[in-house]
Amino acid sequence: MAKQSAGVLLHREGARGVELLLAHLGGPLWERRDEHAWTVPKGEPEAGEELLDTARREFCEELGLAVPDVELVDLGSARQSSGKVVTIWAGRADLDVTTIVPGTFTMPWPPRSGRTAEFPEVDRAQWFSPADARAKLVKGQVVFVDRLLDLLDRT
């Protein structure tokens, strides 16, 4: 069975239209990358955990802030190039990105040194226009921008 991941994509109405909240992937492998190095805050479920609960928990773990108390709409799932299936919910809310306090992860670093180091799961968050979000998001998540825009056009 493919690995799963779930997350929450917040959107707001900005001065120039719809804006989407993305997080830049943390750690040394991503620090110098910008294009296709941003993600919807998301993560893997714990055993027996419902995916929406995972999405809320991972948003909080990655950004250090709870998902705002808003209606979340299911944007469906998409298979990433790694084979992982990502499920995303969207909600309309504004969030001050200067207040994020990212969670951390540990990995061997530097490579082949025998040591480990701790890094932030995400190193920053930012609001993007849909066009900019398409260029910034890891490729397998771009579909969620289009799904959100389709949903907003219908409402």
N, C-alpha and C. Protein backbone atom coordinates (compact mmCIF):
# COMPACT_ATOMS: atom_id res chain seq x y z
N MET A 1 0.84 -1.18 0.00
CA MET A 1 0.00 0.00 0.00
C MET A 1 0.89 1.26 0.00
N ALA A 2 0.49 2.24 -0.79
CA ALA A 2 1.27 3.48 -0.90
C ALA A 2 1.22 4.26 0.41
N LYS A 3 2.32 4.95 0.69
CA LYS A 3 2.32 5.85 1.85
C LYS A 3 1.31 6.95 1.60
N GLN A 4 0.79 7.49 2.70
CA GLN A 4 -0.18 8.58 2.61
C GLN A 4 0.31 9.79 3.37
N SER A 5 -0.24 10.92 2.99
CA SER A 5 0.05 12.18 3.65
C SER A 5 -1.20 13.03 3.54
N ALA A 6 -1.42 13.92 4.52
CA ALA A 6 -2.61 14.77 4.50
C ALA A 6 -2.25 16.15 5.00
N GLY A 7 -2.92 17.17 4.42
CA GLY A 7 -2.60 18.53 4.81
C GLY A 7 -3.73 19.50 4.59
N VAL A 8 -3.47 20.75 4.99
CA VAL A 8 -4.45 21.83 4.89
C VAL A 8 -3.83 22.97 4.09
N LEU A 9 -4.56 23.38 3.05
CA LEU A 9 -4.17 24.51 2.21
C LEU A 9 -5.09 25.68 2.54
N LEU A 10 -4.52 26.68 3.22
CA LEU A 10 -5.31 27.87 3.52
C LEU A 10 -5.26 28.83 2.33
N HIS A 11 -6.37 29.55 2.15
CA HIS A 11 -6.41 30.58 1.12
C HIS A 11 -7.11 31.79 1.71
N ARG A 12 -6.81 32.95 1.14
CA ARG A 12 -7.43 34.19 1.58
C ARG A 12 -7.61 35.09 0.36
N GLU A 13 -8.39 36.13 0.55
CA GLU A 13 -8.57 37.13 -0.49
C GLU A 13 -7.58 38.25 -0.20
N GLY A 14 -6.57 38.39 -1.05
CA GLY A 14 -5.56 39.42 -0.89
C GLY A 14 -5.87 40.63 -1.76
N ALA A 15 -4.99 41.59 -1.74
CA ALA A 15 -5.18 42.82 -2.50
C ALA A 15 -5.29 42.55 -4.00
N ARG A 16 -4.63 41.49 -4.47
CA ARG A 16 -4.66 41.17 -5.91
C ARG A 16 -5.41 39.89 -6.21
N GLY A 17 -6.28 39.47 -5.31
CA GLY A 17 -7.05 38.26 -5.55
C GLY A 17 -6.70 37.16 -4.57
N VAL A 18 -6.98 35.93 -4.97
CA VAL A 18 -6.77 34.77 -4.10
C VAL A 18 -5.28 34.57 -3.84
N GLU A 19 -4.95 34.28 -2.58
CA GLU A 19 -3.59 33.94 -2.17
C GLU A 19 -3.62 32.63 -1.41
N LEU A 20 -2.57 31.83 -1.57
CA LEU A 20 -2.47 30.52 -0.94
C LEU A 20 -1.28 30.49 0.00
N LEU A 21 -1.45 29.84 1.15
CA LEU A 21 -0.39 29.74 2.14
C LEU A 21 0.45 28.49 1.88
N LEU A 22 1.72 28.69 1.62
CA LEU A 22 2.65 27.58 1.40
C LEU A 22 3.80 27.68 2.40
N ALA A 23 4.46 26.55 2.62
CA ALA A 23 5.60 26.48 3.53
C ALA A 23 6.83 26.00 2.76
N HIS A 24 7.97 26.64 3.02
CA HIS A 24 9.21 26.23 2.37
C HIS A 24 9.80 25.05 3.14
N LEU A 25 10.15 24.00 2.43
CA LEU A 25 10.69 22.80 3.06
C LEU A 25 11.99 23.12 3.80
N GLY A 26 12.12 22.60 5.00
CA GLY A 26 13.28 22.88 5.82
C GLY A 26 14.40 21.87 5.62
N GLY A 27 15.51 22.17 6.21
CA GLY A 27 16.65 21.26 6.16
C GLY A 27 17.65 21.64 5.09
N PRO A 28 18.83 21.07 5.18
CA PRO A 28 19.92 21.46 4.29
C PRO A 28 19.72 21.09 2.83
N LEU A 29 18.88 20.12 2.54
CA LEU A 29 18.67 19.72 1.16
C LEU A 29 17.82 20.73 0.39
N TRP A 30 17.09 21.58 1.11
CA TRP A 30 16.17 22.53 0.47
C TRP A 30 16.57 23.98 0.64
N GLU A 31 17.56 24.28 1.47
CA GLU A 31 17.83 25.66 1.84
C GLU A 31 18.19 26.57 0.68
N ARG A 32 18.77 26.07 -0.37
CA ARG A 32 19.16 26.92 -1.51
C ARG A 32 18.17 26.81 -2.68
N ARG A 33 17.11 26.06 -2.49
CA ARG A 33 16.11 25.89 -3.55
C ARG A 33 14.91 26.78 -3.29
N ASP A 34 14.28 27.21 -4.37
CA ASP A 34 13.07 28.00 -4.24
C ASP A 34 11.96 27.43 -5.13
N GLU A 35 12.21 27.31 -6.43
CA GLU A 35 11.20 26.73 -7.30
C GLU A 35 11.00 25.26 -6.95
N HIS A 36 9.75 24.89 -6.83
CA HIS A 36 9.35 23.51 -6.50
C HIS A 36 9.95 23.03 -5.18
N ALA A 37 10.13 23.96 -4.23
CA ALA A 37 10.67 23.63 -2.91
C ALA A 37 9.71 24.05 -1.80
N TRP A 38 8.47 24.34 -2.16
CA TRP A 38 7.44 24.74 -1.21
C TRP A 38 6.37 23.66 -1.18
N THR A 39 5.64 23.60 -0.07
CA THR A 39 4.65 22.55 0.11
C THR A 39 3.41 23.07 0.82
N VAL A 40 2.33 22.35 0.67
CA VAL A 40 1.17 22.53 1.53
C VAL A 40 1.57 21.90 2.87
N PRO A 41 1.33 22.54 4.01
CA PRO A 41 1.67 21.91 5.29
C PRO A 41 0.94 20.57 5.41
N LYS A 42 1.71 19.49 5.54
CA LYS A 42 1.13 18.15 5.51
C LYS A 42 2.08 17.15 6.16
N GLY A 43 1.59 15.95 6.36
CA GLY A 43 2.43 14.89 6.91
C GLY A 43 1.70 13.56 6.92
N GLU A 44 2.38 12.57 7.43
CA GLU A 44 1.87 11.20 7.42
C GLU A 44 1.01 10.89 8.63
N PRO A 45 -0.02 10.05 8.43
CA PRO A 45 -0.91 9.69 9.54
C PRO A 45 -0.24 8.73 10.52
N GLU A 46 -0.68 8.82 11.75
CA GLU A 46 -0.30 7.83 12.75
C GLU A 46 -1.24 6.64 12.59
N ALA A 47 -0.89 5.52 13.15
CA ALA A 47 -1.70 4.30 13.02
C ALA A 47 -3.14 4.57 13.46
N GLY A 48 -4.10 4.26 12.58
CA GLY A 48 -5.51 4.40 12.90
C GLY A 48 -6.05 5.81 12.86
N GLU A 49 -5.23 6.78 12.52
CA GLU A 49 -5.66 8.18 12.52
C GLU A 49 -6.42 8.51 11.23
N GLU A 50 -7.53 9.24 11.37
CA GLU A 50 -8.28 9.71 10.21
C GLU A 50 -7.45 10.78 9.49
N LEU A 51 -7.55 10.81 8.16
CA LEU A 51 -6.72 11.73 7.39
C LEU A 51 -6.99 13.20 7.71
N LEU A 52 -8.22 13.58 7.96
CA LEU A 52 -8.48 14.98 8.31
C LEU A 52 -7.83 15.33 9.65
N ASP A 53 -7.85 14.40 10.59
CA ASP A 53 -7.15 14.63 11.86
C ASP A 53 -5.65 14.76 11.63
N THR A 54 -5.11 13.94 10.72
CA THR A 54 -3.70 14.05 10.36
C THR A 54 -3.39 15.42 9.80
N ALA A 55 -4.25 15.88 8.88
CA ALA A 55 -4.04 17.18 8.24
C ALA A 55 -3.97 18.30 9.28
N ARG A 56 -4.89 18.28 10.22
CA ARG A 56 -4.90 19.30 11.27
C ARG A 56 -3.66 19.21 12.16
N ARG A 57 -3.31 18.00 12.57
CA ARG A 57 -2.16 17.80 13.45
C ARG A 57 -0.86 18.22 12.76
N GLU A 58 -0.70 17.82 11.51
CA GLU A 58 0.53 18.13 10.79
C GLU A 58 0.67 19.63 10.51
N PHE A 59 -0.43 20.30 10.22
CA PHE A 59 -0.41 21.75 10.04
C PHE A 59 0.16 22.39 11.30
N CYS A 60 -0.34 21.96 12.44
CA CYS A 60 0.11 22.50 13.73
C CYS A 60 1.58 22.14 13.99
N GLU A 61 1.96 20.90 13.70
CA GLU A 61 3.34 20.49 13.94
C GLU A 61 4.31 21.24 13.05
N GLU A 62 3.93 21.46 11.79
CA GLU A 62 4.85 22.11 10.85
C GLU A 62 4.93 23.61 11.06
N LEU A 63 3.80 24.26 11.38
CA LEU A 63 3.79 25.71 11.50
C LEU A 63 3.75 26.21 12.94
N GLY A 64 3.45 25.33 13.89
CA GLY A 64 3.36 25.75 15.27
C GLY A 64 2.09 26.52 15.57
N LEU A 65 1.13 26.46 14.68
CA LEU A 65 -0.15 27.15 14.83
C LEU A 65 -1.27 26.18 14.50
N ALA A 66 -2.37 26.28 15.23
CA ALA A 66 -3.52 25.43 14.94
C ALA A 66 -4.19 25.88 13.65
N VAL A 67 -4.85 24.95 12.99
CA VAL A 67 -5.66 25.29 11.83
C VAL A 67 -6.78 26.20 12.33
N PRO A 68 -6.97 27.36 11.69
CA PRO A 68 -8.06 28.24 12.13
C PRO A 68 -9.41 27.51 12.10
N ASP A 69 -10.32 27.96 12.94
CA ASP A 69 -11.64 27.33 13.06
C ASP A 69 -12.52 27.76 11.88
N VAL A 70 -12.29 27.11 10.73
CA VAL A 70 -13.03 27.41 9.51
C VAL A 70 -13.48 26.10 8.89
N GLU A 71 -14.44 26.20 7.98
CA GLU A 71 -14.88 25.02 7.23
C GLU A 71 -13.75 24.57 6.32
N LEU A 72 -13.46 23.27 6.34
CA LEU A 72 -12.45 22.70 5.45
C LEU A 72 -13.14 21.87 4.37
N VAL A 73 -12.75 22.10 3.14
CA VAL A 73 -13.34 21.43 1.98
C VAL A 73 -12.30 20.47 1.40
N ASP A 74 -12.73 19.25 1.14
CA ASP A 74 -11.85 18.21 0.61
C ASP A 74 -11.49 18.51 -0.85
N LEU A 75 -10.18 18.65 -1.13
CA LEU A 75 -9.72 18.86 -2.50
C LEU A 75 -9.30 17.55 -3.15
N GLY A 76 -9.50 16.45 -2.45
CA GLY A 76 -9.17 15.15 -3.03
C GLY A 76 -7.73 14.75 -2.80
N SER A 77 -7.32 13.76 -3.56
CA SER A 77 -5.98 13.18 -3.41
C SER A 77 -5.23 13.23 -4.74
N ALA A 78 -3.92 13.16 -4.65
CA ALA A 78 -3.06 13.08 -5.83
C ALA A 78 -1.84 12.24 -5.48
N ARG A 79 -1.41 11.46 -6.46
CA ARG A 79 -0.21 10.63 -6.27
C ARG A 79 1.02 11.44 -6.65
N GLN A 80 1.99 11.49 -5.74
CA GLN A 80 3.25 12.19 -5.98
C GLN A 80 4.18 11.30 -6.80
N SER A 81 5.25 11.87 -7.32
CA SER A 81 6.20 11.09 -8.11
C SER A 81 6.84 9.97 -7.28
N SER A 82 6.90 10.16 -5.96
CA SER A 82 7.44 9.14 -5.06
C SER A 82 6.49 7.97 -4.87
N GLY A 83 5.24 8.13 -5.31
CA GLY A 83 4.22 7.11 -5.10
C GLY A 83 3.32 7.42 -3.92
N LYS A 84 3.73 8.37 -3.08
CA LYS A 84 2.92 8.75 -1.92
C LYS A 84 1.62 9.40 -2.40
N VAL A 85 0.52 9.09 -1.72
CA VAL A 85 -0.77 9.69 -2.03
C VAL A 85 -1.04 10.80 -1.02
N VAL A 86 -1.22 12.02 -1.54
CA VAL A 86 -1.43 13.19 -0.69
C VAL A 86 -2.89 13.62 -0.80
N THR A 87 -3.54 13.83 0.35
CA THR A 87 -4.92 14.30 0.42
C THR A 87 -4.90 15.67 1.08
N ILE A 88 -5.60 16.63 0.46
CA ILE A 88 -5.55 18.01 0.94
C ILE A 88 -6.96 18.55 1.15
N TRP A 89 -7.12 19.30 2.25
CA TRP A 89 -8.34 20.06 2.52
C TRP A 89 -7.99 21.54 2.42
N ALA A 90 -8.96 22.34 2.01
CA ALA A 90 -8.74 23.78 1.89
C ALA A 90 -9.70 24.52 2.80
N GLY A 91 -9.23 25.66 3.31
CA GLY A 91 -10.06 26.51 4.15
C GLY A 91 -9.69 27.97 3.94
N ARG A 92 -10.70 28.82 4.05
CA ARG A 92 -10.46 30.26 3.88
C ARG A 92 -10.17 30.87 5.25
N ALA A 93 -8.97 31.42 5.39
CA ALA A 93 -8.57 32.05 6.64
C ALA A 93 -7.30 32.84 6.40
N ASP A 94 -7.12 33.86 7.20
CA ASP A 94 -5.88 34.64 7.14
C ASP A 94 -5.00 34.17 8.30
N LEU A 95 -3.73 34.16 8.09
CA LEU A 95 -2.79 33.71 9.11
C LEU A 95 -1.54 34.57 9.00
N ASP A 96 -1.06 35.04 10.12
CA ASP A 96 0.15 35.86 10.15
C ASP A 96 1.36 34.94 10.07
N VAL A 97 2.03 34.92 8.92
CA VAL A 97 3.14 34.00 8.72
C VAL A 97 4.36 34.33 9.57
N THR A 98 4.40 35.52 10.14
CA THR A 98 5.54 35.87 10.99
C THR A 98 5.47 35.19 12.36
N THR A 99 4.35 34.53 12.65
CA THR A 99 4.19 33.91 13.96
C THR A 99 4.43 32.40 13.94
N ILE A 100 4.85 31.84 12.81
CA ILE A 100 5.05 30.40 12.78
C ILE A 100 6.24 30.00 13.65
N VAL A 101 6.12 28.83 14.25
CA VAL A 101 7.18 28.24 15.06
C VAL A 101 7.27 26.78 14.61
N PRO A 102 8.11 26.51 13.60
CA PRO A 102 8.09 25.18 12.99
C PRO A 102 8.59 24.09 13.92
N GLY A 103 8.02 22.90 13.69
CA GLY A 103 8.53 21.71 14.36
C GLY A 103 9.88 21.35 13.75
N THR A 104 10.53 20.36 14.32
CA THR A 104 11.86 19.97 13.84
C THR A 104 11.92 18.48 13.53
N PHE A 105 12.95 18.09 12.78
CA PHE A 105 13.23 16.69 12.51
C PHE A 105 14.74 16.49 12.62
N THR A 106 15.14 15.26 12.81
CA THR A 106 16.56 14.92 12.93
C THR A 106 16.96 14.04 11.76
N MET A 107 18.14 14.30 11.22
CA MET A 107 18.66 13.48 10.12
C MET A 107 20.18 13.41 10.21
N PRO A 108 20.76 12.39 9.60
CA PRO A 108 22.22 12.33 9.57
C PRO A 108 22.77 13.55 8.82
N TRP A 109 23.69 14.29 9.45
CA TRP A 109 24.26 15.46 8.80
C TRP A 109 25.55 15.86 9.49
N PRO A 110 26.58 16.18 8.76
CA PRO A 110 26.71 16.06 7.31
C PRO A 110 26.71 14.60 6.87
N PRO A 111 26.47 14.38 5.58
CA PRO A 111 26.41 13.01 5.07
C PRO A 111 27.67 12.22 5.40
N ARG A 112 27.46 10.98 5.75
CA ARG A 112 28.55 10.02 6.03
C ARG A 112 29.45 10.45 7.18
N SER A 113 28.97 11.36 8.04
CA SER A 113 29.78 11.83 9.16
C SER A 113 29.55 11.00 10.42
N GLY A 114 28.43 10.24 10.43
CA GLY A 114 28.09 9.50 11.63
C GLY A 114 27.38 10.36 12.67
N ARG A 115 27.17 11.63 12.36
CA ARG A 115 26.49 12.54 13.29
C ARG A 115 25.07 12.81 12.79
N THR A 116 24.24 13.33 13.69
CA THR A 116 22.90 13.77 13.31
C THR A 116 22.74 15.23 13.71
N ALA A 117 21.81 15.88 13.03
CA ALA A 117 21.52 17.28 13.34
C ALA A 117 20.01 17.49 13.27
N GLU A 118 19.55 18.52 13.96
CA GLU A 118 18.12 18.84 13.98
C GLU A 118 17.87 20.05 13.08
N PHE A 119 16.78 19.96 12.31
CA PHE A 119 16.42 21.02 11.37
C PHE A 119 14.94 21.32 11.47
N PRO A 120 14.52 22.54 11.08
CA PRO A 120 13.08 22.85 11.07
C PRO A 120 12.39 22.09 9.94
N GLU A 121 11.16 21.62 10.19
CA GLU A 121 10.39 20.94 9.14
C GLU A 121 10.14 21.88 7.97
N VAL A 122 9.83 23.13 8.29
CA VAL A 122 9.71 24.18 7.29
C VAL A 122 10.50 25.37 7.82
N ASP A 123 11.09 26.16 6.94
CA ASP A 123 11.88 27.28 7.45
C ASP A 123 11.18 28.62 7.31
N ARG A 124 10.07 28.65 6.58
CA ARG A 124 9.28 29.87 6.47
C ARG A 124 7.96 29.54 5.79
N ALA A 125 7.02 30.45 5.91
CA ALA A 125 5.73 30.32 5.22
C ALA A 125 5.44 31.65 4.55
N GLN A 126 4.67 31.59 3.48
CA GLN A 126 4.40 32.81 2.73
C GLN A 126 3.10 32.64 1.94
N TRP A 127 2.43 33.76 1.70
CA TRP A 127 1.24 33.80 0.87
C TRP A 127 1.66 34.03 -0.59
N PHE A 128 1.07 33.25 -1.51
CA PHE A 128 1.39 33.35 -2.93
C PHE A 128 0.13 33.47 -3.78
N SER A 129 0.26 34.16 -4.91
CA SER A 129 -0.79 34.14 -5.92
C SER A 129 -0.85 32.72 -6.48
N PRO A 130 -1.96 32.33 -7.10
CA PRO A 130 -2.02 30.99 -7.71
C PRO A 130 -0.89 30.75 -8.72
N ALA A 131 -0.59 31.75 -9.55
CA ALA A 131 0.47 31.57 -10.55
C ALA A 131 1.82 31.33 -9.87
N ASP A 132 2.12 32.10 -8.85
CA ASP A 132 3.38 31.91 -8.13
C ASP A 132 3.39 30.58 -7.38
N ALA A 133 2.24 30.20 -6.82
CA ALA A 133 2.14 28.93 -6.10
C ALA A 133 2.46 27.76 -7.02
N ARG A 134 1.98 27.81 -8.26
CA ARG A 134 2.28 26.74 -9.22
C ARG A 134 3.79 26.59 -9.45
N ALA A 135 4.51 27.71 -9.47
CA ALA A 135 5.96 27.67 -9.70
C ALA A 135 6.73 27.25 -8.45
N LYS A 136 6.17 27.52 -7.28
CA LYS A 136 6.88 27.25 -6.02
C LYS A 136 6.63 25.85 -5.48
N LEU A 137 5.40 25.35 -5.64
CA LEU A 137 5.03 24.06 -5.08
C LEU A 137 5.83 22.91 -5.69
N VAL A 138 6.08 21.89 -4.86
CA VAL A 138 6.62 20.65 -5.42
C VAL A 138 5.61 20.20 -6.48
N LYS A 139 6.11 19.67 -7.57
CA LYS A 139 5.29 19.43 -8.76
C LYS A 139 4.03 18.62 -8.50
N GLY A 140 4.10 17.62 -7.66
CA GLY A 140 2.95 16.75 -7.42
C GLY A 140 1.80 17.41 -6.67
N GLN A 141 2.01 18.62 -6.14
CA GLN A 141 0.95 19.31 -5.39
C GLN A 141 0.30 20.44 -6.19
N VAL A 142 0.81 20.75 -7.37
CA VAL A 142 0.26 21.83 -8.18
C VAL A 142 -1.22 21.59 -8.49
N VAL A 143 -1.60 20.35 -8.64
CA VAL A 143 -2.99 20.02 -8.95
C VAL A 143 -3.96 20.60 -7.93
N PHE A 144 -3.53 20.77 -6.69
CA PHE A 144 -4.42 21.29 -5.65
C PHE A 144 -4.71 22.78 -5.83
N VAL A 145 -3.79 23.51 -6.46
CA VAL A 145 -4.06 24.91 -6.78
C VAL A 145 -5.22 24.98 -7.77
N ASP A 146 -5.16 24.17 -8.80
CA ASP A 146 -6.22 24.18 -9.81
C ASP A 146 -7.55 23.71 -9.24
N ARG A 147 -7.51 22.69 -8.40
CA ARG A 147 -8.75 22.22 -7.78
C ARG A 147 -9.38 23.29 -6.90
N LEU A 148 -8.55 24.00 -6.15
CA LEU A 148 -9.07 25.07 -5.30
C LEU A 148 -9.68 26.18 -6.15
N LEU A 149 -8.99 26.58 -7.19
CA LEU A 149 -9.52 27.64 -8.05
C LEU A 149 -10.83 27.23 -8.72
N ASP A 150 -10.92 25.98 -9.14
CA ASP A 150 -12.17 25.46 -9.71
C ASP A 150 -13.29 25.54 -8.69
N LEU A 151 -12.99 25.16 -7.46
CA LEU A 151 -13.98 25.19 -6.39
C LEU A 151 -14.44 26.62 -6.10
N LEU A 152 -13.50 27.54 -6.07
CA LEU A 152 -13.84 28.93 -5.77
C LEU A 152 -14.66 29.56 -6.90
N ASP A 153 -14.42 29.15 -8.14
CA ASP A 153 -15.19 29.66 -9.27
C ASP A 153 -16.64 29.20 -9.22
N ARG A 154 -16.90 28.05 -8.62
CA ARG A 154 -18.24 27.49 -8.57
C ARG A 154 -19.06 28.06 -7.41
N THR A 155 -18.39 28.73 -6.47
CA THR A 155 -19.14 29.21 -5.32
C THR A 155 -19.44 30.68 -5.43
